[in-house]
Amino acid sequence: MTAFTSSKPALFSRPLPISIFIVLAVILDQIVKTAVDRFLPLQEAVPVVPMLALYRTYNLGVAFSMLSGMDGWLIVGMRLVIVAFVIWLWRRSAKDRWLAHLGFALIIAGALGNLVDRFLYGHVIDYILFHTDTWSFAVFNLADSFISVGAAAVILDELLLPKKGENVKS
C-alpha cells in the first residue's frame, strides 16, 4: 500500500459528500458569474496582473467556446449525456480511487454550472482571459476550470495511482 491508496472508501466515493461538494461548487460558480455579469463591462478587458484580465463575454458553445455554432438544445443534451456518463464512471470506479472521484466531482460540477447558465441566460458567462501582446487563450470561467482540473485528476489517477491487484513496491 502507498501513501496514495487506502483500503477505506474515498470521501467522494459516497453519494452524500460528492453531492454536497457538487452543489457547493455550482453555487460558487453561479455567485461568481452573477457578480461578473453585474459588475464587469461587456467585452472590455479589466487587467488583473500581467497576462491575466477579467473579460466578460457570452459563450454560445461549450468549454472554451468549442462548438459555438451548434444548436443550444443539442449542447444541453450533450452536457446531460456527459454528466450521466461521468456519474456512470464514478459508480463503476473502485471506492478507494480518491483522485478519480475528486475529478469526477469537479467534471460534474463544471458541466452543471455551465448548464445552469444555459438554462438561465441561453448562454454561458465567461470572464477569465490569459493573454500576451500577441496571443490570447480562449475566455473561460470557473466551471470550465472545474472540468479541466477534474479531467486532469482522472488522468493522473489512471497514470499514477496503482490499481487493486497490482504489485506495489515499498
Protein backbone atom coordinates (compact mmCIF):
# COMPACT_ATOMS: atom_id res chain seq x y z
CA MET A 1 0.00 0.00 0.00
CA THR A 2 1.23 3.51 -0.77
CA ALA A 3 0.56 6.91 0.73
CA PHE A 4 -1.90 7.49 -2.10
CA THR A 5 -4.17 4.48 -1.59
CA SER A 6 -6.13 3.18 1.31
CA SER A 7 -8.46 0.29 1.96
CA LYS A 8 -11.25 2.58 3.14
CA PRO A 9 -13.59 4.27 0.65
CA ALA A 10 -12.56 7.71 -0.61
CA LEU A 11 -14.64 10.64 0.61
CA PHE A 12 -16.17 11.32 -2.80
CA SER A 13 -16.97 7.66 -3.42
CA ARG A 14 -20.02 8.16 -1.20
CA PRO A 15 -23.14 9.86 -2.62
CA LEU A 16 -23.73 12.44 0.14
CA PRO A 17 -20.24 14.02 0.26
CA ILE A 18 -19.90 14.17 -3.53
CA SER A 19 -23.42 15.64 -3.85
CA ILE A 20 -22.70 18.33 -1.25
CA PHE A 21 -19.39 19.18 -2.95
CA ILE A 22 -21.04 19.42 -6.37
CA VAL A 23 -23.87 21.63 -5.09
CA LEU A 24 -21.42 23.95 -3.30
CA ALA A 25 -19.18 24.16 -6.38
CA VAL A 26 -22.15 25.01 -8.63
CA ILE A 27 -23.33 27.65 -6.14
CA LEU A 28 -19.84 29.20 -6.02
CA ASP A 29 -19.69 29.19 -9.83
CA GLN A 30 -23.08 30.90 -10.06
CA ILE A 31 -22.21 33.52 -7.41
CA VAL A 32 -19.05 34.45 -9.32
CA LYS A 33 -20.88 34.56 -12.66
CA THR A 34 -23.64 36.74 -11.19
CA ALA A 35 -21.06 39.19 -9.86
CA VAL A 36 -19.23 39.19 -13.19
CA ASP A 37 -22.45 39.77 -15.11
CA ARG A 38 -23.47 42.59 -12.78
CA PHE A 39 -20.18 44.44 -12.34
CA LEU A 40 -17.83 43.75 -15.29
CA PRO A 41 -18.21 45.68 -18.53
CA LEU A 42 -19.11 43.55 -21.55
CA GLN A 43 -16.17 42.64 -23.80
CA GLU A 44 -13.77 45.08 -22.18
CA ALA A 45 -10.57 43.77 -20.59
CA VAL A 46 -10.03 44.65 -16.96
CA PRO A 47 -6.35 43.93 -16.20
CA VAL A 48 -5.66 41.96 -13.01
CA VAL A 49 -1.94 41.18 -13.38
CA PRO A 50 0.27 40.97 -16.47
CA MET A 51 -1.11 38.24 -18.75
CA LEU A 52 -4.41 37.95 -16.82
CA ALA A 53 -7.53 40.02 -17.29
CA LEU A 54 -11.19 39.77 -16.50
CA TYR A 55 -13.18 39.95 -19.71
CA ARG A 56 -16.93 39.31 -19.64
CA THR A 57 -18.27 37.65 -22.73
CA TYR A 58 -21.07 35.26 -23.57
CA ASN A 59 -20.27 31.80 -24.86
CA LEU A 60 -22.84 30.03 -27.00
CA GLY A 61 -20.78 26.83 -27.19
CA VAL A 62 -19.23 24.53 -24.62
CA ALA A 63 -15.99 24.81 -22.64
CA PHE A 64 -13.52 27.28 -24.16
CA SER A 65 -16.10 28.31 -26.83
CA MET A 66 -15.88 24.99 -28.68
CA LEU A 67 -18.92 24.07 -30.79
CA SER A 68 -20.36 27.59 -30.57
CA GLY A 69 -22.14 27.13 -33.90
CA MET A 70 -24.25 24.22 -32.63
CA ASP A 71 -27.89 24.43 -31.59
CA GLY A 72 -28.25 25.34 -27.89
CA TRP A 73 -30.51 22.39 -27.09
CA LEU A 74 -28.08 19.98 -28.70
CA ILE A 75 -25.39 21.36 -26.39
CA VAL A 76 -27.71 20.95 -23.39
CA GLY A 77 -28.34 17.35 -24.42
CA MET A 78 -24.60 16.74 -24.83
CA ARG A 79 -23.91 18.13 -21.37
CA LEU A 80 -26.59 15.94 -19.82
CA VAL A 81 -25.14 12.86 -21.56
CA ILE A 82 -21.66 13.79 -20.31
CA VAL A 83 -22.93 14.22 -16.74
CA ALA A 84 -24.72 10.85 -16.94
CA PHE A 85 -21.57 9.20 -18.35
CA VAL A 86 -19.34 10.66 -15.62
CA ILE A 87 -21.82 9.52 -12.95
CA TRP A 88 -21.68 6.04 -14.52
CA LEU A 89 -17.86 6.12 -14.42
CA TRP A 90 -17.94 7.33 -10.81
CA ARG A 91 -20.24 4.47 -9.77
CA ARG A 92 -18.07 1.87 -11.55
CA SER A 93 -14.73 3.06 -10.19
CA ALA A 94 -13.17 1.46 -7.14
CA LYS A 95 -14.15 3.12 -3.86
CA ASP A 96 -10.52 3.86 -2.93
CA ARG A 97 -9.79 5.93 -6.07
CA TRP A 98 -9.81 9.32 -4.30
CA LEU A 99 -8.21 11.27 -7.14
CA ALA A 100 -10.58 9.90 -9.78
CA HIS A 101 -13.58 10.58 -7.52
CA LEU A 102 -12.43 14.16 -6.96
CA GLY A 103 -12.03 14.52 -10.72
CA PHE A 104 -15.50 13.15 -11.39
CA ALA A 105 -16.99 15.57 -8.85
CA LEU A 106 -15.24 18.53 -10.50
CA ILE A 107 -16.30 17.49 -14.00
CA ILE A 108 -19.93 17.10 -12.92
CA ALA A 109 -19.90 20.42 -11.05
CA GLY A 110 -18.42 22.25 -14.03
CA ALA A 111 -20.84 20.74 -16.51
CA LEU A 112 -23.81 21.54 -14.25
CA GLY A 113 -22.56 25.09 -13.60
CA ASN A 114 -22.46 25.82 -17.32
CA LEU A 115 -25.77 24.01 -17.82
CA VAL A 116 -27.40 26.32 -15.26
CA ASP A 117 -26.15 29.30 -17.29
CA ARG A 118 -27.56 27.82 -20.47
CA PHE A 119 -30.98 27.42 -18.85
CA LEU A 120 -30.99 30.82 -17.12
CA TYR A 121 -29.48 33.01 -19.86
CA GLY A 122 -29.32 30.97 -23.07
CA HIS A 123 -25.51 31.28 -23.00
CA VAL A 124 -22.59 30.74 -20.63
CA ILE A 125 -20.87 33.66 -18.90
CA ASP A 126 -17.10 33.57 -19.40
CA TYR A 127 -14.70 36.02 -17.79
CA ILE A 128 -11.09 34.76 -17.37
CA LEU A 129 -8.61 35.77 -20.07
CA PHE A 130 -4.94 34.79 -20.23
CA HIS A 131 -3.09 36.79 -22.86
CA THR A 132 0.10 38.45 -24.07
CA ASP A 133 0.52 41.25 -26.59
CA THR A 134 0.46 38.75 -29.45
CA TRP A 135 -1.56 35.81 -28.09
CA SER A 136 -4.65 35.10 -26.03
CA PHE A 137 -6.24 31.94 -24.70
CA ALA A 138 -9.99 31.33 -25.01
CA VAL A 139 -12.01 33.21 -22.40
CA PHE A 140 -13.28 30.75 -19.81
CA ASN A 141 -14.90 30.55 -16.37
CA LEU A 142 -14.69 28.70 -13.07
CA ALA A 143 -16.90 25.86 -14.31
CA ASP A 144 -14.56 25.32 -17.28
CA SER A 145 -11.68 25.22 -14.80
CA PHE A 146 -13.52 22.59 -12.75
CA ILE A 147 -13.92 20.46 -15.89
CA SER A 148 -10.26 20.82 -16.90
CA VAL A 149 -8.84 20.16 -13.42
CA GLY A 150 -11.28 17.27 -12.98
CA ALA A 151 -10.21 15.66 -16.26
CA ALA A 152 -6.56 16.09 -15.26
CA ALA A 153 -7.27 14.42 -11.89
CA VAL A 154 -8.89 11.43 -13.60
CA ILE A 155 -5.94 11.10 -16.00
CA LEU A 156 -3.43 11.41 -13.14
CA ASP A 157 -5.34 8.76 -11.19
CA GLU A 158 -5.05 6.39 -14.15
CA LEU A 159 -1.37 7.13 -14.73
CA LEU A 160 0.00 7.43 -11.19
CA LEU A 161 -2.07 5.50 -8.69
CA PRO A 162 -1.72 1.71 -8.52
CA LYS A 163 -4.79 -0.37 -9.22
CA LYS A 164 -6.03 -3.18 -7.00
CA GLY A 165 -4.20 -6.38 -7.75
CA GLU A 166 -1.04 -4.62 -8.93
CA ASN A 167 2.17 -5.39 -7.12
CA VAL A 168 3.07 -2.31 -5.13
CA LYS A 169 6.74 -1.80 -4.32
CA SER A 170 7.56 -0.22 -0.98
